[in-house]
PDB file of all heavy atoms in Angstrom:
ATOM      1  N   VAL A   1      13.003  -2.131   6.783  1.00  0.00           N
ATOM      2  CA  VAL A   1      12.715  -1.226   5.660  1.00  0.00           C
ATOM      3  C   VAL A   1      12.906  -1.976   4.348  1.00  0.00           C
ATOM      4  O   VAL A   1      13.983  -2.539   4.094  1.00  0.00           O
ATOM      5  CB  VAL A   1      13.576   0.050   5.703  1.00  0.00           C
ATOM      6  CG1 VAL A   1      13.214   0.964   4.569  1.00  0.00           C
ATOM      7  CG2 VAL A   1      13.399   0.736   7.074  1.00  0.00           C
ATOM      8  N   GLU A   2      11.897  -1.971   3.489  1.00  0.00           N
ATOM      9  CA  GLU A   2      11.963  -2.633   2.174  1.00  0.00           C
ATOM     10  C   GLU A   2      11.590  -1.603   1.111  1.00  0.00           C
ATOM     11  O   GLU A   2      10.460  -1.551   0.621  1.00  0.00           O
ATOM     12  CB  GLU A   2      10.977  -3.809   2.144  1.00  0.00           C
ATOM     13  CG  GLU A   2      11.288  -4.864   3.226  1.00  0.00           C
ATOM     14  CD  GLU A   2      10.345  -6.035   3.143  1.00  0.00           C
ATOM     15  OE1 GLU A   2       9.748  -6.272   2.058  1.00  0.00           O
ATOM     16  OE2 GLU A   2      10.200  -6.735   4.150  1.00  0.00           O
ATOM     17  N   PRO A   3      12.567  -0.788   0.664  1.00  0.00           N
ATOM     18  CA  PRO A   3      12.261   0.358  -0.186  1.00  0.00           C
ATOM     19  C   PRO A   3      11.895  -0.018  -1.623  1.00  0.00           C
ATOM     20  O   PRO A   3      11.379   0.830  -2.360  1.00  0.00           O
ATOM     21  CB  PRO A   3      13.547   1.186  -0.156  1.00  0.00           C
ATOM     22  CG  PRO A   3      14.590   0.175   0.121  1.00  0.00           C
ATOM     23  CD  PRO A   3      13.988  -0.827   1.044  1.00  0.00           C
ATOM     24  N   ASP A   4      12.146  -1.257  -2.037  1.00  0.00           N
ATOM     25  CA  ASP A   4      11.809  -1.654  -3.407  1.00  0.00           C
ATOM     26  C   ASP A   4      10.357  -2.158  -3.523  1.00  0.00           C
ATOM     27  O   ASP A   4       9.933  -2.518  -4.629  1.00  0.00           O
ATOM     28  CB  ASP A   4      12.764  -2.716  -3.915  1.00  0.00           C
ATOM     29  CG  ASP A   4      12.803  -3.965  -3.058  1.00  0.00           C
ATOM     30  OD1 ASP A   4      12.394  -3.866  -1.881  1.00  0.00           O
ATOM     31  OD2 ASP A   4      13.271  -4.996  -3.552  1.00  0.00           O
ATOM     32  N   ARG A   5       9.636  -2.139  -2.430  1.00  0.00           N
ATOM     33  CA  ARG A   5       8.213  -2.577  -2.492  1.00  0.00           C
ATOM     34  C   ARG A   5       7.322  -1.339  -2.660  1.00  0.00           C
ATOM     35  O   ARG A   5       7.528  -0.325  -2.016  1.00  0.00           O
ATOM     36  CB  ARG A   5       7.851  -3.338  -1.247  1.00  0.00           C
ATOM     37  CG  ARG A   5       8.616  -4.633  -1.064  1.00  0.00           C
ATOM     38  CD  ARG A   5       8.082  -5.469   0.043  1.00  0.00           C
ATOM     39  NE  ARG A   5       6.723  -5.992  -0.280  1.00  0.00           N
ATOM     40  CZ  ARG A   5       6.082  -6.839   0.501  1.00  0.00           C
ATOM     41  NH1 ARG A   5       6.622  -7.235   1.629  1.00  0.00           N
ATOM     42  NH2 ARG A   5       4.897  -7.263   0.161  1.00  0.00           N
ATOM     43  N   LEU A   6       6.335  -1.478  -3.506  1.00  0.00           N
ATOM     44  CA  LEU A   6       5.379  -0.395  -3.711  1.00  0.00           C
ATOM     45  C   LEU A   6       4.593  -0.104  -2.439  1.00  0.00           C
ATOM     46  O   LEU A   6       4.387   1.030  -2.075  1.00  0.00           O
ATOM     47  CB  LEU A   6       4.403  -0.724  -4.843  1.00  0.00           C
ATOM     48  CG  LEU A   6       4.967  -0.712  -6.251  1.00  0.00           C
ATOM     49  CD1 LEU A   6       3.893  -1.132  -7.251  1.00  0.00           C
ATOM     50  CD2 LEU A   6       5.513   0.633  -6.635  1.00  0.00           C
ATOM     51  N   TYR A   7       4.167  -1.174  -1.804  1.00  0.00           N
ATOM     52  CA  TYR A   7       3.449  -1.007  -0.534  1.00  0.00           C
ATOM     53  C   TYR A   7       3.593  -2.268   0.306  1.00  0.00           C
ATOM     54  O   TYR A   7       3.890  -3.347  -0.206  1.00  0.00           O
ATOM     55  CB  TYR A   7       1.962  -0.687  -0.757  1.00  0.00           C
ATOM     56  CG  TYR A   7       1.214  -1.654  -1.623  1.00  0.00           C
ATOM     57  CD1 TYR A   7       0.711  -2.853  -1.111  1.00  0.00           C
ATOM     58  CD2 TYR A   7       0.961  -1.367  -2.979  1.00  0.00           C
ATOM     59  CE1 TYR A   7       0.018  -3.744  -1.940  1.00  0.00           C
ATOM     60  CE2 TYR A   7       0.266  -2.233  -3.778  1.00  0.00           C
ATOM     61  CZ  TYR A   7      -0.201  -3.426  -3.249  1.00  0.00           C
ATOM     62  OH  TYR A   7      -0.885  -4.300  -4.038  1.00  0.00           O
ATOM     63  N   VAL A   8       3.389  -2.113   1.615  1.00  0.00           N
ATOM     64  CA  VAL A   8       3.403  -3.206   2.549  1.00  0.00           C
ATOM     65  C   VAL A   8       2.143  -3.074   3.404  1.00  0.00           C
ATOM     66  O   VAL A   8       1.934  -2.033   4.047  1.00  0.00           O
ATOM     67  CB  VAL A   8       4.652  -3.188   3.451  1.00  0.00           C
ATOM     68  CG1 VAL A   8       4.564  -4.330   4.486  1.00  0.00           C
ATOM     69  CG2 VAL A   8       5.918  -3.351   2.622  1.00  0.00           C
ATOM     70  N   ASP A   9       1.317  -4.099   3.382  1.00  0.00           N
ATOM     71  CA  ASP A   9       0.050  -4.067   4.111  1.00  0.00           C
ATOM     72  C   ASP A   9       0.025  -5.150   5.154  1.00  0.00           C
ATOM     73  O   ASP A   9       0.071  -6.366   4.800  1.00  0.00           O
ATOM     74  CB  ASP A   9      -1.097  -4.224   3.123  1.00  0.00           C
ATOM     75  CG  ASP A   9      -2.465  -4.261   3.815  1.00  0.00           C
ATOM     76  OD1 ASP A   9      -2.550  -3.815   4.972  1.00  0.00           O
ATOM     77  OD2 ASP A   9      -3.464  -4.735   3.182  1.00  0.00           O
ATOM     78  N   HIS A  10      -0.079  -4.802   6.430  1.00  0.00           N
ATOM     79  CA  HIS A  10      -0.153  -5.735   7.507  1.00  0.00           C
ATOM     80  C   HIS A  10      -1.628  -5.916   7.968  1.00  0.00           C
ATOM     81  O   HIS A  10      -1.886  -6.602   8.962  1.00  0.00           O
ATOM     82  CB  HIS A  10       0.679  -5.320   8.687  1.00  0.00           C
ATOM     83  CG  HIS A  10       2.161  -5.410   8.415  1.00  0.00           C
ATOM     84  ND1 HIS A  10       2.858  -6.583   8.348  1.00  0.00           N
ATOM     85  CD2 HIS A  10       3.085  -4.427   8.181  1.00  0.00           C
ATOM     86  CE1 HIS A  10       4.139  -6.349   8.102  1.00  0.00           C
ATOM     87  NE2 HIS A  10       4.312  -5.042   7.985  1.00  0.00           N
ATOM     88  N   GLY A  11      -2.557  -5.247   7.336  1.00  0.00           N
ATOM     89  CA  GLY A  11      -3.938  -5.313   7.766  1.00  0.00           C
ATOM     90  C   GLY A  11      -4.312  -4.151   8.687  1.00  0.00           C
ATOM     91  O   GLY A  11      -5.197  -3.360   8.364  1.00  0.00           O
ATOM     92  N   ASP A  12      -3.592  -4.033   9.792  1.00  0.00           N
ATOM     93  CA  ASP A  12      -3.877  -2.901  10.710  1.00  0.00           C
ATOM     94  C   ASP A  12      -3.054  -1.662  10.372  1.00  0.00           C
ATOM     95  O   ASP A  12      -3.471  -0.561  10.700  1.00  0.00           O
ATOM     96  CB  ASP A  12      -3.617  -3.343  12.150  1.00  0.00           C
ATOM     97  CG  ASP A  12      -2.195  -3.747  12.377  1.00  0.00           C
ATOM     98  OD1 ASP A  12      -1.558  -4.328  11.457  1.00  0.00           O
ATOM     99  OD2 ASP A  12      -1.655  -3.510  13.486  1.00  0.00           O
ATOM    100  N   VAL A  13      -1.890  -1.853   9.765  1.00  0.00           N
ATOM    101  CA  VAL A  13      -1.076  -0.720   9.321  1.00  0.00           C
ATOM    102  C   VAL A  13      -0.569  -1.021   7.912  1.00  0.00           C
ATOM    103  O   VAL A  13      -0.332  -2.184   7.556  1.00  0.00           O
ATOM    104  CB  VAL A  13       0.135  -0.454  10.255  1.00  0.00           C
ATOM    105  CG1 VAL A  13      -0.337  -0.012  11.624  1.00  0.00           C
ATOM    106  CG2 VAL A  13       1.039  -1.685  10.378  1.00  0.00           C
ATOM    107  N   ALA A  14      -0.398   0.019   7.096  1.00  0.00           N
ATOM    108  CA  ALA A  14       0.069  -0.168   5.734  1.00  0.00           C
ATOM    109  C   ALA A  14       0.897   1.057   5.343  1.00  0.00           C
ATOM    110  O   ALA A  14       0.571   2.193   5.715  1.00  0.00           O
ATOM    111  CB  ALA A  14      -1.096  -0.344   4.767  1.00  0.00           C
ATOM    112  N   THR A  15       1.926   0.818   4.558  1.00  0.00           N
ATOM    113  CA  THR A  15       2.828   1.900   4.136  1.00  0.00           C
ATOM    114  C   THR A  15       3.051   1.821   2.626  1.00  0.00           C
ATOM    115  O   THR A  15       2.971   0.729   2.021  1.00  0.00           O
ATOM    116  CB  THR A  15       4.190   1.818   4.826  1.00  0.00           C
ATOM    117  OG1 THR A  15       4.768   0.491   4.603  1.00  0.00           O
ATOM    118  CG2 THR A  15       4.056   1.993   6.351  1.00  0.00           C
ATOM    119  N   SER A  16       3.303   2.959   1.997  1.00  0.00           N
ATOM    120  CA  SER A  16       3.580   2.990   0.559  1.00  0.00           C
ATOM    121  C   SER A  16       4.896   3.689   0.309  1.00  0.00           C
ATOM    122  O   SER A  16       5.318   4.539   1.085  1.00  0.00           O
ATOM    123  CB  SER A  16       2.456   3.710  -0.207  1.00  0.00           C
ATOM    124  OG  SER A  16       2.349   5.060   0.202  1.00  0.00           O
ATOM    125  N   ALA A  17       5.531   3.337  -0.794  1.00  0.00           N
ATOM    126  CA  ALA A  17       6.921   3.778  -1.065  1.00  0.00           C
ATOM    127  C   ALA A  17       6.989   5.249  -1.400  1.00  0.00           C
ATOM    128  O   ALA A  17       7.864   5.973  -0.889  1.00  0.00           O
ATOM    129  CB  ALA A  17       7.516   2.960  -2.175  1.00  0.00           C
ATOM    130  N   GLY A  18       6.169   5.696  -2.265  1.00  0.00           N
ATOM    131  CA  GLY A  18       6.190   7.124  -2.690  1.00  0.00           C
ATOM    132  C   GLY A  18       4.785   7.621  -2.905  1.00  0.00           C
ATOM    133  O   GLY A  18       3.817   6.870  -2.720  1.00  0.00           O
ATOM    134  N   ALA A  19       4.665   8.871  -3.361  1.00  0.00           N
ATOM    135  CA  ALA A  19       3.354   9.418  -3.546  1.00  0.00           C
ATOM    136  C   ALA A  19       2.543   8.638  -4.560  1.00  0.00           C
ATOM    137  O   ALA A  19       1.369   8.299  -4.376  1.00  0.00           O
ATOM    138  CB  ALA A  19       3.463  10.891  -3.953  1.00  0.00           C
ATOM    139  N   GLY A  20       3.162   8.307  -5.725  1.00  0.00           N
ATOM    140  CA  GLY A  20       2.465   7.532  -6.748  1.00  0.00           C
ATOM    141  C   GLY A  20       2.088   6.156  -6.237  1.00  0.00           C
ATOM    142  O   GLY A  20       1.012   5.637  -6.546  1.00  0.00           O
ATOM    143  N   ALA A  21       2.986   5.546  -5.487  1.00  0.00           N
ATOM    144  CA  ALA A  21       2.700   4.233  -4.912  1.00  0.00           C
ATOM    145  C   ALA A  21       1.549   4.302  -3.926  1.00  0.00           C
ATOM    146  O   ALA A  21       0.907   3.265  -3.679  1.00  0.00           O
ATOM    147  CB  ALA A  21       3.943   3.658  -4.215  1.00  0.00           C
ATOM    148  N   GLY A  22       1.290   5.475  -3.406  1.00  0.00           N
ATOM    149  CA  GLY A  22       0.140   5.647  -2.500  1.00  0.00           C
ATOM    150  C   GLY A  22      -1.163   5.312  -3.194  1.00  0.00           C
ATOM    151  O   GLY A  22      -2.103   4.799  -2.599  1.00  0.00           O
ATOM    152  N   ILE A  23      -1.242   5.642  -4.497  1.00  0.00           N
ATOM    153  CA  ILE A  23      -2.448   5.308  -5.245  1.00  0.00           C
ATOM    154  C   ILE A  23      -2.614   3.789  -5.363  1.00  0.00           C
ATOM    155  O   ILE A  23      -3.704   3.267  -5.163  1.00  0.00           O
ATOM    156  CB  ILE A  23      -2.408   5.941  -6.639  1.00  0.00           C
ATOM    157  CG1 ILE A  23      -2.369   7.470  -6.540  1.00  0.00           C
ATOM    158  CG2 ILE A  23      -3.595   5.502  -7.499  1.00  0.00           C
ATOM    159  CD1 ILE A  23      -2.256   8.182  -7.876  1.00  0.00           C
ATOM    160  N   ASP A  24      -1.487   3.105  -5.637  1.00  0.00           N
ATOM    161  CA  ASP A  24      -1.533   1.645  -5.690  1.00  0.00           C
ATOM    162  C   ASP A  24      -2.010   1.040  -4.375  1.00  0.00           C
ATOM    163  O   ASP A  24      -2.809   0.112  -4.348  1.00  0.00           O
ATOM    164  CB  ASP A  24      -0.167   1.064  -6.037  1.00  0.00           C
ATOM    165  CG  ASP A  24       0.244   1.387  -7.462  1.00  0.00           C
ATOM    166  OD1 ASP A  24      -0.218   0.682  -8.383  1.00  0.00           O
ATOM    167  OD2 ASP A  24       1.014   2.346  -7.647  1.00  0.00           O
ATOM    168  N   LEU A  25      -1.507   1.596  -3.253  1.00  0.00           N
ATOM    169  CA  LEU A  25      -1.916   1.085  -1.948  1.00  0.00           C
ATOM    170  C   LEU A  25      -3.378   1.334  -1.703  1.00  0.00           C
ATOM    171  O   LEU A  25      -4.118   0.467  -1.224  1.00  0.00           O
ATOM    172  CB  LEU A  25      -1.059   1.747  -0.839  1.00  0.00           C
ATOM    173  CG  LEU A  25      -1.478   1.434   0.594  1.00  0.00           C
ATOM    174  CD1 LEU A  25      -1.538  -0.061   0.841  1.00  0.00           C
ATOM    175  CD2 LEU A  25      -0.556   2.125   1.582  1.00  0.00           C
ATOM    176  N   CYS A  26      -3.844   2.542  -2.005  1.00  0.00           N
ATOM    177  CA  CYS A  26      -5.277   2.864  -1.771  1.00  0.00           C
ATOM    178  C   CYS A  26      -6.172   1.931  -2.609  1.00  0.00           C
ATOM    179  O   CYS A  26      -7.201   1.443  -2.119  1.00  0.00           O
ATOM    180  CB  CYS A  26      -5.541   4.329  -2.101  1.00  0.00           C
ATOM    181  SG  CYS A  26      -4.793   5.498  -0.938  1.00  0.00           S
ATOM    182  N   LEU A  27      -5.807   1.694  -3.855  1.00  0.00           N
ATOM    183  CA  LEU A  27      -6.584   0.776  -4.691  1.00  0.00           C
ATOM    184  C   LEU A  27      -6.542  -0.648  -4.162  1.00  0.00           C
ATOM    185  O   LEU A  27      -7.539  -1.388  -4.221  1.00  0.00           O
ATOM    186  CB  LEU A  27      -6.092   0.833  -6.144  1.00  0.00           C
ATOM    187  CG  LEU A  27      -6.408   2.152  -6.870  1.00  0.00           C
ATOM    188  CD1 LEU A  27      -5.652   2.205  -8.205  1.00  0.00           C
ATOM    189  CD2 LEU A  27      -7.911   2.301  -7.127  1.00  0.00           C
ATOM    190  N   HIS A  28      -5.400  -1.045  -3.662  1.00  0.00           N
ATOM    191  CA  HIS A  28      -5.269  -2.366  -3.014  1.00  0.00           C
ATOM    192  C   HIS A  28      -6.249  -2.487  -1.829  1.00  0.00           C
ATOM    193  O   HIS A  28      -6.900  -3.522  -1.668  1.00  0.00           O
ATOM    194  CB  HIS A  28      -3.819  -2.557  -2.553  1.00  0.00           C
ATOM    195  CG  HIS A  28      -3.647  -3.608  -1.500  1.00  0.00           C
ATOM    196  ND1 HIS A  28      -3.680  -4.967  -1.766  1.00  0.00           N
ATOM    197  CD2 HIS A  28      -3.440  -3.473  -0.153  1.00  0.00           C
ATOM    198  CE1 HIS A  28      -3.492  -5.611  -0.640  1.00  0.00           C
ATOM    199  NE2 HIS A  28      -3.351  -4.772   0.345  1.00  0.00           N
ATOM    200  N   LEU A  29      -6.374  -1.427  -1.048  1.00  0.00           N
ATOM    201  CA  LEU A  29      -7.282  -1.469   0.116  1.00  0.00           C
ATOM    202  C   LEU A  29      -8.730  -1.497  -0.351  1.00  0.00           C
ATOM    203  O   LEU A  29      -9.545  -2.192   0.263  1.00  0.00           O
ATOM    204  CB  LEU A  29      -7.037  -0.215   0.982  1.00  0.00           C
ATOM    205  CG  LEU A  29      -5.649  -0.170   1.638  1.00  0.00           C
ATOM    206  CD1 LEU A  29      -5.496   1.166   2.388  1.00  0.00           C
ATOM    207  CD2 LEU A  29      -5.406  -1.342   2.561  1.00  0.00           C
ATOM    208  N   VAL A  30      -9.033  -0.816  -1.428  1.00  0.00           N
ATOM    209  CA  VAL A  30     -10.409  -0.856  -1.998  1.00  0.00           C
ATOM    210  C   VAL A  30     -10.707  -2.284  -2.428  1.00  0.00           C
ATOM    211  O   VAL A  30     -11.829  -2.779  -2.170  1.00  0.00           O
ATOM    212  CB  VAL A  30     -10.531   0.116  -3.184  1.00  0.00           C
ATOM    213  CG1 VAL A  30     -11.829  -0.152  -3.944  1.00  0.00           C
ATOM    214  CG2 VAL A  30     -10.518   1.553  -2.703  1.00  0.00           C
ATOM    215  N   ARG A  31      -9.765  -2.942  -3.025  1.00  0.00           N
ATOM    216  CA  ARG A  31     -10.027  -4.318  -3.474  1.00  0.00           C
ATOM    217  C   ARG A  31     -10.275  -5.228  -2.289  1.00  0.00           C
ATOM    218  O   ARG A  31     -11.147  -6.087  -2.317  1.00  0.00           O
ATOM    219  CB  ARG A  31      -8.835  -4.836  -4.291  1.00  0.00           C
ATOM    220  CG  ARG A  31      -9.084  -6.195  -4.946  1.00  0.00           C
ATOM    221  CD  ARG A  31      -7.858  -6.688  -5.687  1.00  0.00           C
ATOM    222  NE  ARG A  31      -8.248  -7.732  -6.634  1.00  0.00           N
ATOM    223  CZ  ARG A  31      -8.456  -8.991  -6.334  1.00  0.00           C
ATOM    224  NH1 ARG A  31      -8.318  -9.394  -5.080  1.00  0.00           N
ATOM    225  NH2 ARG A  31      -8.813  -9.863  -7.243  1.00  0.00           N
ATOM    226  N   LYS A  32      -9.517  -5.042  -1.216  1.00  0.00           N
ATOM    227  CA  LYS A  32      -9.740  -5.835  -0.012  1.00  0.00           C
ATOM    228  C   LYS A  32     -11.136  -5.576   0.574  1.00  0.00           C
ATOM    229  O   LYS A  32     -11.801  -6.481   1.027  1.00  0.00           O
ATOM    230  CB  LYS A  32      -8.680  -5.499   1.034  1.00  0.00           C
ATOM    231  CG  LYS A  32      -7.307  -6.095   0.777  1.00  0.00           C
ATOM    232  CD  LYS A  32      -6.338  -5.734   1.870  1.00  0.00           C
ATOM    233  CE  LYS A  32      -6.753  -6.293   3.231  1.00  0.00           C
ATOM    234  NZ  LYS A  32      -5.757  -5.982   4.278  1.00  0.00           N
ATOM    235  N   ASP A  33     -11.537  -4.307   0.543  1.00  0.00           N
ATOM    236  CA  ASP A  33     -12.830  -3.921   1.145  1.00  0.00           C
ATOM    237  C   ASP A  33     -14.017  -4.340   0.312  1.00  0.00           C
ATOM    238  O   ASP A  33     -15.021  -4.805   0.855  1.00  0.00           O
ATOM    239  CB  ASP A  33     -12.862  -2.415   1.337  1.00  0.00           C
ATOM    240  CG  ASP A  33     -11.893  -1.901   2.368  1.00  0.00           C
ATOM    241  OD1 ASP A  33     -11.390  -2.708   3.154  1.00  0.00           O
ATOM    242  OD2 ASP A  33     -11.617  -0.674   2.369  1.00  0.00           O
ATOM    243  N   HIS A  34     -13.927  -4.175  -1.015  1.00  0.00           N
ATOM    244  CA  HIS A  34     -15.128  -4.293  -1.854  1.00  0.00           C
ATOM    245  C   HIS A  34     -14.911  -5.120  -3.118  1.00  0.00           C
ATOM    246  O   HIS A  34     -15.796  -5.129  -3.977  1.00  0.00           O
ATOM    247  CB  HIS A  34     -15.622  -2.894  -2.230  1.00  0.00           C
ATOM    248  CG  HIS A  34     -16.017  -2.062  -1.051  1.00  0.00           C
ATOM    249  ND1 HIS A  34     -17.132  -2.339  -0.276  1.00  0.00           N
ATOM    250  CD2 HIS A  34     -15.397  -1.018  -0.473  1.00  0.00           C
ATOM    251  CE1 HIS A  34     -17.197  -1.460   0.707  1.00  0.00           C
ATOM    252  NE2 HIS A  34     -16.169  -0.651   0.616  1.00  0.00           N
TER     253      HIS A  34
END
C-alpha cells in the first residue's frame, strides 16, 4: 500500500488514492490510449 501516490497503474490493473485522484488516473489512462 502506497497511500501518498495519486495513482498506481500496472497496465492491467490501476488504483487511485481518492475520488479526486480518480480524475487524475482517468486522464492518465486517456493519455496512454490516445
